[in-house]
Amino acid sequence: MNNAALRVVCGESDKHQIPPAPQSQTGNERSAWLLHLEDGQSLAIARQQVIEYLAKVESRWVPDCHPQCSRILLWRDQVLPLLGVEKGRRGRHEHVLVIGYVDAENSTLTHRIALSLCQPPIDISVRDLDQCTPADSQTDYWRGAITACFAHQDAAVPIVDFNRLKGE
């Protein structure tokens, strides 16, 4: 997916674009999106995982679901789980990112999930030498789905394998 073509849908006619990634990827440095979830957690994802950034969208509550995933988003005739929603939050979400991820047997973005953010995604560089250990609160929140973690501005930022969250 060409990041320059990443579309943002904002209410009526209000549209934005996330800037394209720098083209040079040097050595052990990669470009990623830093995401601050509405519920206070943070994570980073690969740029190519982003499918669409939405602003001012409504979600729906689903009874008897895990508290971290009790909201859904209707997106392009699909029902997506919405993660990162502040506890007890209802109504409109200012920043939502629809991302894709792969399962172990596939190399294309076959699964989709939505993340409720407290601000738009931030373009960052991730380097191997920035590796660190995730905080206990992050490990508890992501329930074993953290595959790596790095330090960014004195904070631990996990990288999550969304396949490990399925069915929990």
Protein backbone atom coordinates (compact mmCIF):
# COMPACT_ATOMS: atom_id res chain seq x y z
CA MET A 1 0.00 0.00 0.00
CA ASN A 2 1.33 3.43 -0.88
CA ASN A 3 1.35 5.45 2.36
CA ALA A 4 0.87 8.67 0.40
CA ALA A 5 -2.49 7.31 -0.73
CA LEU A 6 -3.61 6.56 2.83
CA ARG A 7 -7.08 8.01 3.12
CA VAL A 8 -8.70 9.59 6.12
CA VAL A 9 -12.42 9.81 6.47
CA CYS A 10 -13.62 12.57 8.77
CA GLY A 11 -17.31 13.11 9.24
CA GLU A 12 -18.89 15.03 6.35
CA SER A 13 -16.30 16.60 4.04
CA ASP A 14 -13.37 17.08 6.41
CA LYS A 15 -10.42 15.03 5.04
CA HIS A 16 -6.78 14.64 6.12
CA GLN A 17 -3.80 12.56 5.06
CA ILE A 18 -1.10 10.91 7.10
CA PRO A 19 2.24 11.97 5.60
CA PRO A 20 4.18 9.34 3.64
CA ALA A 21 7.09 7.54 5.27
CA PRO A 22 10.60 8.63 4.45
CA GLN A 23 11.88 6.43 1.63
CA SER A 24 15.32 5.65 3.09
CA GLN A 25 15.53 2.86 5.63
CA THR A 26 19.08 2.74 6.92
CA GLY A 27 20.65 -0.30 8.55
CA ASN A 28 18.77 -1.26 11.68
CA GLU A 29 16.38 1.69 11.60
CA ARG A 30 12.75 1.37 10.49
CA SER A 31 9.88 3.77 10.20
CA ALA A 32 6.77 2.97 12.25
CA TRP A 33 3.60 4.53 13.59
CA LEU A 34 3.51 5.30 17.31
CA LEU A 35 -0.06 4.93 18.56
CA HIS A 36 -1.42 6.33 21.83
CA LEU A 37 -4.65 4.51 22.60
CA GLU A 38 -7.60 6.28 24.14
CA ASP A 39 -7.31 4.11 27.27
CA GLY A 40 -3.73 5.25 27.99
CA GLN A 41 -1.75 2.39 26.44
CA SER A 42 0.77 2.88 23.63
CA LEU A 43 2.15 0.64 20.92
CA ALA A 44 3.93 0.80 17.59
CA ILE A 45 2.92 -0.81 14.32
CA ALA A 46 4.60 -1.21 10.96
CA ARG A 47 3.60 1.45 8.46
CA GLN A 48 2.31 -1.14 5.99
CA GLN A 49 -0.27 -2.35 8.54
CA VAL A 50 -2.31 0.85 8.25
CA ILE A 51 -5.40 0.50 6.09
CA GLU A 52 -7.35 3.64 6.94
CA TYR A 53 -7.40 6.45 9.50
CA LEU A 54 -10.88 7.59 10.54
CA ALA A 55 -11.95 10.61 12.54
CA LYS A 56 -15.18 11.22 14.39
CA VAL A 57 -16.72 7.77 14.08
CA GLU A 58 -19.32 6.01 16.19
CA SER A 59 -18.87 2.62 17.81
CA ARG A 60 -21.37 0.15 19.21
CA TRP A 61 -21.30 -1.70 22.51
CA VAL A 62 -21.35 -5.51 22.55
CA PRO A 63 -22.55 -7.12 25.79
CA ASP A 64 -20.67 -9.94 27.54
CA CYS A 65 -17.32 -9.24 25.84
CA HIS A 66 -13.88 -8.77 27.33
CA PRO A 67 -13.70 -5.18 28.71
CA GLN A 68 -10.79 -4.36 26.38
CA CYS A 69 -12.89 -5.28 23.36
CA SER A 70 -16.51 -4.48 24.19
CA ARG A 71 -16.99 -2.03 21.30
CA ILE A 72 -17.27 -2.67 17.57
CA LEU A 73 -16.97 -0.46 14.55
CA LEU A 74 -18.97 -0.83 11.35
CA TRP A 75 -16.49 -0.20 8.53
CA ARG A 76 -17.01 -0.84 4.81
CA ASP A 77 -19.70 -3.47 5.41
CA GLN A 78 -17.52 -5.24 7.97
CA VAL A 79 -17.75 -5.48 11.74
CA LEU A 80 -14.38 -4.77 13.38
CA PRO A 81 -13.44 -5.13 17.03
CA LEU A 82 -12.42 -1.74 18.45
CA LEU A 83 -9.53 -1.91 20.92
CA GLY A 84 -8.11 0.79 23.17
CA VAL A 85 -11.42 2.39 24.15
CA GLU A 86 -11.41 4.22 27.46
CA LYS A 87 -13.43 2.26 30.03
CA GLY A 88 -17.09 3.34 30.06
CA ARG A 89 -16.64 5.41 26.90
CA ARG A 90 -19.59 5.69 24.58
CA GLY A 91 -20.32 7.63 21.44
CA ARG A 92 -17.96 9.27 19.01
CA HIS A 93 -14.27 8.43 18.73
CA GLU A 94 -12.09 11.28 17.47
CA HIS A 95 -9.25 9.12 16.07
CA VAL A 96 -9.58 5.51 14.90
CA LEU A 97 -7.01 3.54 12.94
CA VAL A 98 -8.04 0.47 10.94
CA ILE A 99 -5.08 -1.86 10.64
CA GLY A 100 -4.45 -5.17 8.96
CA TYR A 101 -2.42 -8.09 10.18
CA VAL A 102 -1.50 -11.53 8.93
CA ASP A 103 -1.92 -14.97 10.39
CA ALA A 104 0.93 -17.47 10.56
CA GLU A 105 -0.03 -19.16 7.27
CA ASN A 106 -0.49 -16.04 5.15
CA SER A 107 1.61 -13.09 4.04
CA THR A 108 -1.18 -10.69 3.10
CA LEU A 109 -3.16 -8.45 5.46
CA THR A 110 -6.11 -10.81 5.83
CA HIS A 111 -7.39 -9.70 9.25
CA ARG A 112 -8.52 -6.27 10.35
CA ILE A 113 -8.96 -4.56 13.68
CA ALA A 114 -9.67 -0.96 14.73
CA LEU A 115 -7.78 0.98 17.41
CA SER A 116 -9.25 3.98 19.23
CA LEU A 117 -6.54 6.65 19.59
CA CYS A 118 -6.33 9.79 21.71
CA GLN A 119 -4.42 11.58 18.91
CA PRO A 120 -3.39 10.93 15.31
CA PRO A 121 -0.57 8.41 14.67
CA ILE A 122 2.98 9.72 15.07
CA ASP A 123 5.73 8.87 12.56
CA ILE A 124 8.81 7.58 14.41
CA SER A 125 12.03 5.69 13.71
CA VAL A 126 12.68 2.44 15.55
CA ARG A 127 16.24 1.20 16.01
CA ASP A 128 17.52 -2.17 17.21
CA LEU A 129 19.62 -0.51 19.90
CA ASP A 130 16.46 0.96 21.50
CA GLN A 131 15.18 -2.46 22.63
CA CYS A 132 13.90 -2.60 26.20
CA THR A 133 11.64 -4.60 28.51
CA PRO A 134 7.91 -3.76 28.53
CA ALA A 135 6.37 -2.44 31.74
CA ASP A 136 4.31 -4.92 33.79
CA SER A 137 1.16 -2.93 33.04
CA GLN A 138 1.81 -3.33 29.30
CA THR A 139 2.40 -7.07 29.65
CA ASP A 140 -0.85 -7.42 31.61
CA TYR A 141 -2.83 -5.30 29.14
CA TRP A 142 -1.65 -7.09 26.00
CA ARG A 143 -1.98 -10.57 27.60
CA GLY A 144 1.12 -12.16 26.09
CA ALA A 145 0.83 -10.54 22.64
CA ILE A 146 3.96 -8.35 22.94
CA THR A 147 6.66 -9.59 20.55
CA ALA A 148 9.19 -6.80 21.12
CA CYS A 149 9.55 -3.49 22.92
CA PHE A 150 11.68 -0.39 22.44
CA ALA A 151 12.31 2.85 24.27
CA HIS A 152 10.98 6.07 22.76
CA GLN A 153 11.34 9.35 24.65
CA ASP A 154 11.96 7.49 27.93
CA ALA A 155 8.86 5.30 27.58
CA ALA A 156 8.61 1.60 26.74
CA VAL A 157 6.63 1.06 23.51
CA PRO A 158 5.50 -2.50 22.75
CA ILE A 159 5.09 -4.12 19.35
CA VAL A 160 2.07 -6.40 19.41
CA ASP A 161 1.17 -9.56 17.49
CA PHE A 162 -2.60 -9.19 17.13
CA ASN A 163 -2.97 -12.91 16.32
CA ARG A 164 -2.15 -13.65 19.95
CA LEU A 165 -5.16 -11.64 21.09
CA LYS A 166 -7.70 -13.67 19.10
CA GLY A 167 -10.17 -15.63 21.14
CA GLU A 168 -9.23 -14.11 24.48
